[in-house]
Amino acid sequence: MNKAKLVELVHEKIGGTKKSAEELVDMIFDSIAGELKRGNDVSLSGFGIFAVKTRAAREARNPRTGATVHVPSMKVPKFRPAKALKELVR
């Protein structure tokens, strides 16, 4: 499923215009991204938890040259599915 398909499902469910459905989907994604940017977790009951994880700095190798490269620490998004979602997928 892609964003356009999700917008179509929301439009069918709530009615109104497709533009309003797209704005709703965008608002939800922007809200989740905004909370993650501030370092907060987003917990959706029965679905899962979006969180920010900090990866430690490390040394890696360039596969082309074999040279050692320093990779700095960074924050990355993480998703942990809820038990209900895991059971639904099985």
C-alpha atoms as a PDB file:
ATOM      1  CA  MET A   1       0.000   0.000   0.000  1.00  0.00           C
ATOM      2  CA  ASN A   2       1.253   3.478  -0.773  1.00  0.00           C
ATOM      3  CA  LYS A   3       0.147   6.936   0.355  1.00  0.00           C
ATOM      4  CA  ALA A   4      -2.294   7.392  -2.555  1.00  0.00           C
ATOM      5  CA  LYS A   5      -4.040   4.124  -1.675  1.00  0.00           C
ATOM      6  CA  LEU A   6      -4.217   5.152   1.989  1.00  0.00           C
ATOM      7  CA  VAL A   7      -5.729   8.520   1.018  1.00  0.00           C
ATOM      8  CA  GLU A   8      -8.304   6.674  -1.114  1.00  0.00           C
ATOM      9  CA  LEU A   9      -9.273   4.425   1.823  1.00  0.00           C
ATOM     10  CA  VAL A  10      -9.622   7.407   4.159  1.00  0.00           C
ATOM     11  CA  HIS A  11     -11.699   9.240   1.526  1.00  0.00           C
ATOM     12  CA  GLU A  12     -14.046   6.239   1.139  1.00  0.00           C
ATOM     13  CA  LYS A  13     -14.423   5.888   4.907  1.00  0.00           C
ATOM     14  CA  ILE A  14     -15.013   9.520   5.962  1.00  0.00           C
ATOM     15  CA  GLY A  15     -16.322  11.045   2.745  1.00  0.00           C
ATOM     16  CA  GLY A  16     -15.691  14.678   1.924  1.00  0.00           C
ATOM     17  CA  THR A  17     -13.144  15.553  -0.719  1.00  0.00           C
ATOM     18  CA  LYS A  18      -9.996  13.657  -1.616  1.00  0.00           C
ATOM     19  CA  LYS A  19      -8.032  16.809  -0.815  1.00  0.00           C
ATOM     20  CA  SER A  20      -9.355  16.813   2.763  1.00  0.00           C
ATOM     21  CA  ALA A  21      -8.520  13.104   3.105  1.00  0.00           C
ATOM     22  CA  GLU A  22      -4.982  13.767   1.839  1.00  0.00           C
ATOM     23  CA  GLU A  23      -4.595  16.666   4.289  1.00  0.00           C
ATOM     24  CA  LEU A  24      -5.699  14.367   7.130  1.00  0.00           C
ATOM     25  CA  VAL A  25      -3.183  11.673   6.177  1.00  0.00           C
ATOM     26  CA  ASP A  26      -0.432  14.308   5.819  1.00  0.00           C
ATOM     27  CA  MET A  27      -1.322  15.774   9.214  1.00  0.00           C
ATOM     28  CA  ILE A  28      -1.031  12.365  10.883  1.00  0.00           C
ATOM     29  CA  PHE A  29       2.357  11.642   9.291  1.00  0.00           C
ATOM     30  CA  ASP A  30       3.619  15.158  10.077  1.00  0.00           C
ATOM     31  CA  SER A  31       2.503  14.818  13.705  1.00  0.00           C
ATOM     32  CA  ILE A  32       4.329  11.504  14.113  1.00  0.00           C
ATOM     33  CA  ALA A  33       7.466  12.880  12.431  1.00  0.00           C
ATOM     34  CA  GLY A  34       7.335  16.051  14.553  1.00  0.00           C
ATOM     35  CA  GLU A  35       7.158  14.099  17.804  1.00  0.00           C
ATOM     36  CA  LEU A  36      10.050  11.881  16.736  1.00  0.00           C
ATOM     37  CA  LYS A  37      12.081  14.958  15.799  1.00  0.00           C
ATOM     38  CA  ARG A  38      11.554  16.296  19.337  1.00  0.00           C
ATOM     39  CA  GLY A  39      12.780  12.945  20.702  1.00  0.00           C
ATOM     40  CA  ASN A  40       9.383  11.744  21.926  1.00  0.00           C
ATOM     41  CA  ASP A  41       7.878   8.298  21.404  1.00  0.00           C
ATOM     42  CA  VAL A  42       4.553   7.852  19.603  1.00  0.00           C
ATOM     43  CA  SER A  43       2.482   4.951  20.920  1.00  0.00           C
ATOM     44  CA  LEU A  44      -0.537   3.776  18.916  1.00  0.00           C
ATOM     45  CA  SER A  45      -2.521   1.251  20.934  1.00  0.00           C
ATOM     46  CA  GLY A  46      -2.822  -2.082  19.147  1.00  0.00           C
ATOM     47  CA  PHE A  47      -0.439  -0.984  16.375  1.00  0.00           C
ATOM     48  CA  GLY A  48       2.973  -0.210  17.831  1.00  0.00           C
ATOM     49  CA  ILE A  49       5.464   2.339  19.087  1.00  0.00           C
ATOM     50  CA  PHE A  50       7.524   4.720  16.988  1.00  0.00           C
ATOM     51  CA  ALA A  51      10.680   5.768  18.837  1.00  0.00           C
ATOM     52  CA  VAL A  52      14.055   7.423  18.277  1.00  0.00           C
ATOM     53  CA  LYS A  53      17.173   5.338  18.875  1.00  0.00           C
ATOM     54  CA  THR A  54      20.726   6.650  19.046  1.00  0.00           C
ATOM     55  CA  ARG A  55      23.309   4.606  17.171  1.00  0.00           C
ATOM     56  CA  ALA A  56      26.800   4.714  18.616  1.00  0.00           C
ATOM     57  CA  ALA A  57      29.752   6.026  16.623  1.00  0.00           C
ATOM     58  CA  ARG A  58      31.744   3.257  14.947  1.00  0.00           C
ATOM     59  CA  GLU A  59      34.497   2.466  12.521  1.00  0.00           C
ATOM     60  CA  ALA A  60      33.481   0.952   9.152  1.00  0.00           C
ATOM     61  CA  ARG A  61      35.312  -0.040   5.988  1.00  0.00           C
ATOM     62  CA  ASN A  62      34.816   1.386   2.533  1.00  0.00           C
ATOM     63  CA  PRO A  63      34.158  -1.753   0.445  1.00  0.00           C
ATOM     64  CA  ARG A  64      35.664  -0.204  -2.665  1.00  0.00           C
ATOM     65  CA  THR A  65      38.983   0.936  -1.197  1.00  0.00           C
ATOM     66  CA  GLY A  66      39.184  -1.010   2.057  1.00  0.00           C
ATOM     67  CA  ALA A  67      39.956   2.227   3.928  1.00  0.00           C
ATOM     68  CA  THR A  68      38.628   2.666   7.460  1.00  0.00           C
ATOM     69  CA  VAL A  69      35.933   5.328   7.750  1.00  0.00           C
ATOM     70  CA  HIS A  70      34.594   6.923  10.940  1.00  0.00           C
ATOM     71  CA  VAL A  71      30.774   6.828  11.123  1.00  0.00           C
ATOM     72  CA  PRO A  72      29.492   9.365  13.697  1.00  0.00           C
ATOM     73  CA  SER A  73      26.707   8.609  16.161  1.00  0.00           C
ATOM     74  CA  MET A  74      23.248   9.408  14.832  1.00  0.00           C
ATOM     75  CA  LYS A  75      19.592   9.240  15.741  1.00  0.00           C
ATOM     76  CA  VAL A  76      17.415   6.864  13.722  1.00  0.00           C
ATOM     77  CA  PRO A  77      13.667   6.122  13.806  1.00  0.00           C
ATOM     78  CA  LYS A  78      12.603   2.752  15.157  1.00  0.00           C
ATOM     79  CA  PHE A  79       9.260   0.915  15.088  1.00  0.00           C
ATOM     80  CA  ARG A  80       8.260  -1.723  17.605  1.00  0.00           C
ATOM     81  CA  PRO A  81       5.025  -3.520  16.644  1.00  0.00           C
ATOM     82  CA  ALA A  82       2.367  -4.187  19.271  1.00  0.00           C
ATOM     83  CA  LYS A  83       1.477  -7.727  20.271  1.00  0.00           C
ATOM     84  CA  ALA A  84      -1.925  -7.428  18.567  1.00  0.00           C
ATOM     85  CA  LEU A  85      -0.291  -6.441  15.263  1.00  0.00           C
ATOM     86  CA  LYS A  86       2.209  -9.299  15.482  1.00  0.00           C
ATOM     87  CA  GLU A  87      -0.578 -11.801  16.076  1.00  0.00           C
ATOM     88  CA  LEU A  88      -2.670 -10.369  13.236  1.00  0.00           C
ATOM     89  CA  VAL A  89       0.195 -10.764  10.754  1.00  0.00           C
ATOM     90  CA  ARG A  90       0.915 -14.377  11.763  1.00  0.00           C
END
